[in-house]
N, C-alpha and C. Protein backbone atom coordinates (compact mmCIF):
# COMPACT_ATOMS: atom_id res chain seq x y z
N MET A 1 16.09 19.42 -7.00
CA MET A 1 15.36 18.51 -6.15
C MET A 1 16.35 17.48 -5.60
N GLY A 2 16.37 17.30 -4.29
CA GLY A 2 17.28 16.35 -3.67
C GLY A 2 16.82 14.92 -3.90
N LYS A 3 17.73 14.01 -3.61
CA LYS A 3 17.45 12.59 -3.80
C LYS A 3 16.25 12.15 -2.95
N ASN A 4 16.17 12.64 -1.72
CA ASN A 4 15.05 12.28 -0.85
C ASN A 4 13.74 12.82 -1.42
N ALA A 5 13.75 14.03 -1.93
CA ALA A 5 12.54 14.63 -2.50
C ALA A 5 12.05 13.84 -3.71
N GLU A 6 12.98 13.36 -4.53
CA GLU A 6 12.61 12.55 -5.70
C GLU A 6 11.97 11.23 -5.24
N TYR A 7 12.56 10.62 -4.24
CA TYR A 7 12.04 9.36 -3.72
C TYR A 7 10.65 9.57 -3.11
N VAL A 8 10.48 10.65 -2.38
CA VAL A 8 9.18 10.97 -1.76
C VAL A 8 8.13 11.14 -2.86
N ALA A 9 8.46 11.83 -3.93
CA ALA A 9 7.51 12.03 -5.02
C ALA A 9 7.12 10.69 -5.66
N THR A 10 8.08 9.81 -5.83
CA THR A 10 7.81 8.48 -6.38
C THR A 10 6.89 7.69 -5.46
N MET A 11 7.18 7.71 -4.18
CA MET A 11 6.37 6.95 -3.22
C MET A 11 4.96 7.55 -3.08
N GLU A 12 4.85 8.85 -3.20
CA GLU A 12 3.53 9.49 -3.12
C GLU A 12 2.66 9.02 -4.29
N THR A 13 3.26 8.94 -5.46
CA THR A 13 2.54 8.44 -6.63
C THR A 13 2.12 6.99 -6.41
N GLN A 14 3.01 6.18 -5.83
CA GLN A 14 2.69 4.78 -5.58
C GLN A 14 1.55 4.64 -4.56
N LEU A 15 1.56 5.45 -3.53
CA LEU A 15 0.49 5.39 -2.54
C LEU A 15 -0.86 5.74 -3.16
N LYS A 16 -0.89 6.70 -4.05
CA LYS A 16 -2.13 7.07 -4.74
C LYS A 16 -2.61 5.91 -5.62
N LYS A 17 -1.68 5.22 -6.27
CA LYS A 17 -2.04 4.06 -7.09
C LYS A 17 -2.62 2.96 -6.21
N TRP A 18 -2.00 2.72 -5.05
CA TRP A 18 -2.52 1.70 -4.14
C TRP A 18 -3.93 2.04 -3.67
N ASP A 19 -4.16 3.30 -3.39
CA ASP A 19 -5.51 3.72 -2.97
C ASP A 19 -6.53 3.36 -4.05
N ALA A 20 -6.18 3.64 -5.30
CA ALA A 20 -7.08 3.32 -6.41
C ALA A 20 -7.25 1.81 -6.54
N ASP A 21 -6.16 1.05 -6.38
CA ASP A 21 -6.24 -0.41 -6.46
C ASP A 21 -7.12 -0.98 -5.35
N VAL A 22 -6.96 -0.48 -4.13
CA VAL A 22 -7.77 -0.96 -3.01
C VAL A 22 -9.24 -0.62 -3.23
N ASP A 23 -9.51 0.57 -3.73
CA ASP A 23 -10.89 0.95 -4.02
C ASP A 23 -11.51 0.04 -5.07
N ALA A 24 -10.73 -0.28 -6.10
CA ALA A 24 -11.23 -1.17 -7.16
C ALA A 24 -11.48 -2.57 -6.61
N LEU A 25 -10.57 -3.07 -5.79
CA LEU A 25 -10.76 -4.39 -5.20
C LEU A 25 -11.95 -4.41 -4.26
N THR A 26 -12.15 -3.33 -3.53
CA THR A 26 -13.30 -3.23 -2.63
C THR A 26 -14.60 -3.31 -3.43
N ALA A 27 -14.64 -2.62 -4.55
CA ALA A 27 -15.83 -2.64 -5.41
C ALA A 27 -16.09 -4.05 -5.94
N LYS A 28 -15.05 -4.76 -6.33
CA LYS A 28 -15.20 -6.13 -6.81
C LYS A 28 -15.67 -7.04 -5.68
N GLY A 29 -15.14 -6.81 -4.49
CA GLY A 29 -15.52 -7.62 -3.34
C GLY A 29 -16.98 -7.47 -2.98
N GLU A 30 -17.54 -6.32 -3.26
CA GLU A 30 -18.96 -6.08 -2.98
C GLU A 30 -19.84 -6.99 -3.83
N LYS A 31 -19.32 -7.43 -4.97
CA LYS A 31 -20.09 -8.27 -5.87
C LYS A 31 -19.92 -9.76 -5.56
N ALA A 32 -19.03 -10.11 -4.65
CA ALA A 32 -18.76 -11.51 -4.32
C ALA A 32 -19.92 -12.10 -3.52
N SER A 33 -19.99 -13.44 -3.51
CA SER A 33 -21.03 -14.11 -2.72
C SER A 33 -20.84 -13.80 -1.24
N ALA A 34 -21.84 -14.09 -0.44
CA ALA A 34 -21.78 -13.76 0.99
C ALA A 34 -20.59 -14.42 1.67
N GLN A 35 -20.36 -15.71 1.43
CA GLN A 35 -19.25 -16.41 2.08
C GLN A 35 -17.91 -15.88 1.58
N ALA A 36 -17.79 -15.77 0.27
CA ALA A 36 -16.54 -15.26 -0.30
C ALA A 36 -16.35 -13.80 0.09
N GLY A 37 -17.46 -13.07 0.17
CA GLY A 37 -17.39 -11.66 0.52
C GLY A 37 -16.85 -11.42 1.91
N ALA A 38 -17.24 -12.28 2.87
CA ALA A 38 -16.75 -12.12 4.25
C ALA A 38 -15.24 -12.30 4.31
N ALA A 39 -14.74 -13.32 3.65
CA ALA A 39 -13.28 -13.56 3.62
C ALA A 39 -12.58 -12.42 2.89
N TYR A 40 -13.21 -11.98 1.83
CA TYR A 40 -12.63 -10.91 1.03
C TYR A 40 -12.55 -9.61 1.83
N HIS A 41 -13.59 -9.31 2.60
CA HIS A 41 -13.58 -8.09 3.41
C HIS A 41 -12.49 -8.14 4.47
N ALA A 42 -12.22 -9.33 5.00
CA ALA A 42 -11.13 -9.47 5.97
C ALA A 42 -9.79 -9.17 5.30
N GLN A 43 -9.63 -9.64 4.07
CA GLN A 43 -8.40 -9.38 3.33
C GLN A 43 -8.26 -7.88 3.02
N ILE A 44 -9.35 -7.25 2.67
CA ILE A 44 -9.32 -5.81 2.38
C ILE A 44 -8.93 -5.04 3.63
N LYS A 45 -9.46 -5.47 4.79
CA LYS A 45 -9.12 -4.81 6.05
C LYS A 45 -7.61 -4.91 6.31
N ALA A 46 -7.03 -6.10 6.09
CA ALA A 46 -5.59 -6.29 6.27
C ALA A 46 -4.81 -5.45 5.25
N LEU A 47 -5.34 -5.38 4.05
CA LEU A 47 -4.70 -4.60 3.00
C LEU A 47 -4.67 -3.12 3.38
N ARG A 48 -5.77 -2.62 3.92
CA ARG A 48 -5.82 -1.23 4.35
C ARG A 48 -4.84 -0.96 5.51
N ALA A 49 -4.68 -1.95 6.39
CA ALA A 49 -3.73 -1.81 7.49
C ALA A 49 -2.30 -1.70 6.95
N SER A 50 -1.98 -2.53 5.95
CA SER A 50 -0.66 -2.46 5.32
C SER A 50 -0.45 -1.11 4.66
N ARG A 51 -1.49 -0.60 4.03
CA ARG A 51 -1.40 0.69 3.37
C ARG A 51 -1.19 1.80 4.39
N GLU A 52 -1.87 1.71 5.52
CA GLU A 52 -1.70 2.72 6.58
C GLU A 52 -0.28 2.69 7.13
N ALA A 53 0.29 1.50 7.28
CA ALA A 53 1.68 1.39 7.75
C ALA A 53 2.62 2.04 6.75
N ALA A 54 2.38 1.80 5.47
CA ALA A 54 3.20 2.43 4.43
C ALA A 54 3.04 3.94 4.46
N GLN A 55 1.82 4.41 4.68
CA GLN A 55 1.57 5.85 4.76
C GLN A 55 2.32 6.48 5.93
N LYS A 56 2.33 5.80 7.06
CA LYS A 56 3.03 6.32 8.23
C LYS A 56 4.54 6.44 7.95
N THR A 57 5.10 5.40 7.37
CA THR A 57 6.53 5.43 7.03
C THR A 57 6.79 6.54 6.01
N PHE A 58 5.89 6.69 5.06
CA PHE A 58 6.02 7.72 4.05
C PHE A 58 6.03 9.12 4.68
N GLN A 59 5.13 9.36 5.62
CA GLN A 59 5.08 10.67 6.27
C GLN A 59 6.37 10.98 7.02
N GLU A 60 6.95 9.96 7.65
CA GLU A 60 8.22 10.15 8.35
C GLU A 60 9.32 10.46 7.34
N LEU A 61 9.30 9.76 6.22
CA LEU A 61 10.30 9.96 5.18
C LEU A 61 10.18 11.35 4.57
N ARG A 62 8.96 11.80 4.40
CA ARG A 62 8.70 13.11 3.78
C ARG A 62 9.37 14.25 4.53
N VAL A 63 9.41 14.18 5.87
CA VAL A 63 9.99 15.27 6.65
C VAL A 63 11.46 15.04 7.00
N ALA A 64 12.00 13.94 6.59
CA ALA A 64 13.40 13.61 6.92
C ALA A 64 14.37 14.41 6.04
N THR A 65 15.54 14.62 6.56
CA THR A 65 16.60 15.23 5.77
C THR A 65 17.08 14.20 4.74
N ASP A 66 17.88 14.62 3.79
CA ASP A 66 18.38 13.69 2.79
C ASP A 66 19.15 12.53 3.42
N ALA A 67 20.00 12.83 4.41
CA ALA A 67 20.79 11.78 5.05
C ALA A 67 19.90 10.79 5.79
N ALA A 68 18.99 11.31 6.58
CA ALA A 68 18.07 10.44 7.32
C ALA A 68 17.11 9.75 6.36
N GLY A 69 16.73 10.45 5.32
CA GLY A 69 15.82 9.89 4.33
C GLY A 69 16.39 8.66 3.66
N ALA A 70 17.68 8.67 3.39
CA ALA A 70 18.31 7.51 2.76
C ALA A 70 18.18 6.28 3.66
N GLN A 71 18.34 6.46 4.95
CA GLN A 71 18.19 5.35 5.89
C GLN A 71 16.73 4.91 5.98
N MET A 72 15.82 5.86 5.93
CA MET A 72 14.40 5.54 6.05
C MET A 72 13.84 4.87 4.80
N GLN A 73 14.52 5.03 3.68
CA GLN A 73 14.06 4.40 2.45
C GLN A 73 14.01 2.88 2.59
N VAL A 74 14.88 2.33 3.42
CA VAL A 74 14.87 0.89 3.67
C VAL A 74 13.52 0.48 4.27
N GLY A 75 13.04 1.24 5.24
CA GLY A 75 11.75 0.96 5.85
C GLY A 75 10.61 1.13 4.86
N MET A 76 10.71 2.14 4.02
CA MET A 76 9.68 2.37 3.02
C MET A 76 9.65 1.22 2.01
N GLU A 77 10.81 0.74 1.62
CA GLU A 77 10.88 -0.38 0.69
C GLU A 77 10.22 -1.63 1.28
N ALA A 78 10.44 -1.86 2.57
CA ALA A 78 9.81 -3.01 3.24
C ALA A 78 8.30 -2.85 3.26
N ALA A 79 7.84 -1.66 3.57
CA ALA A 79 6.39 -1.40 3.59
C ALA A 79 5.82 -1.55 2.18
N TRP A 80 6.55 -1.11 1.18
CA TRP A 80 6.11 -1.21 -0.20
C TRP A 80 5.96 -2.68 -0.60
N LYS A 81 6.96 -3.50 -0.26
CA LYS A 81 6.90 -4.93 -0.61
C LYS A 81 5.73 -5.61 0.08
N THR A 82 5.49 -5.29 1.35
CA THR A 82 4.37 -5.87 2.08
C THR A 82 3.05 -5.50 1.41
N MET A 83 2.90 -4.25 1.06
CA MET A 83 1.67 -3.78 0.42
C MET A 83 1.49 -4.43 -0.94
N GLN A 84 2.55 -4.53 -1.72
CA GLN A 84 2.47 -5.11 -3.05
C GLN A 84 2.06 -6.58 -2.97
N LYS A 85 2.66 -7.33 -2.05
CA LYS A 85 2.30 -8.75 -1.88
C LYS A 85 0.84 -8.89 -1.46
N ALA A 86 0.38 -8.03 -0.57
CA ALA A 86 -1.00 -8.08 -0.12
C ALA A 86 -1.96 -7.79 -1.27
N LEU A 87 -1.65 -6.79 -2.08
CA LEU A 87 -2.48 -6.48 -3.24
C LEU A 87 -2.53 -7.64 -4.21
N GLU A 88 -1.39 -8.25 -4.47
CA GLU A 88 -1.34 -9.38 -5.39
C GLU A 88 -2.15 -10.55 -4.87
N LYS A 89 -2.08 -10.82 -3.56
CA LYS A 89 -2.82 -11.93 -2.98
C LYS A 89 -4.32 -11.70 -3.07
N VAL A 90 -4.77 -10.51 -2.72
CA VAL A 90 -6.20 -10.22 -2.77
C VAL A 90 -6.70 -10.28 -4.21
N SER A 91 -5.93 -9.75 -5.13
CA SER A 91 -6.32 -9.80 -6.55
C SER A 91 -6.41 -11.24 -7.03
N SER A 92 -5.43 -12.04 -6.66
CA SER A 92 -5.41 -13.45 -7.04
C SER A 92 -6.59 -14.20 -6.43
N ASP A 93 -6.86 -13.95 -5.16
CA ASP A 93 -7.99 -14.61 -4.49
C ASP A 93 -9.31 -14.23 -5.14
N LEU A 94 -9.43 -13.02 -5.58
CA LEU A 94 -10.67 -12.57 -6.20
C LEU A 94 -10.89 -13.27 -7.54
N ARG A 95 -9.81 -13.52 -8.25
CA ARG A 95 -9.93 -14.19 -9.56
C ARG A 95 -10.27 -15.66 -9.41
N SER A 96 -9.95 -16.25 -8.26
CA SER A 96 -10.19 -17.69 -8.05
C SER A 96 -11.64 -18.02 -7.91
């Protein structure tokens, strides 16, 4: 397995985890009060947009050669950090 293939497998696992996290947060948001729920739904929408951007970068990385994949990993890392920060913020806001 090439280096790019290993990275793709790792990122695929991470995307599946994010999907589960977003679903769990969505379920918690359904239980929030009407006012808090509206703000929460806006955050979930932004979170899903970040996840879609990460998915798009992931799909490009998946078909890249090892050489091109190494360069694309930088973009995937940026998408990963954005998604992780968004998840942390929504989780933190829900606990407040």
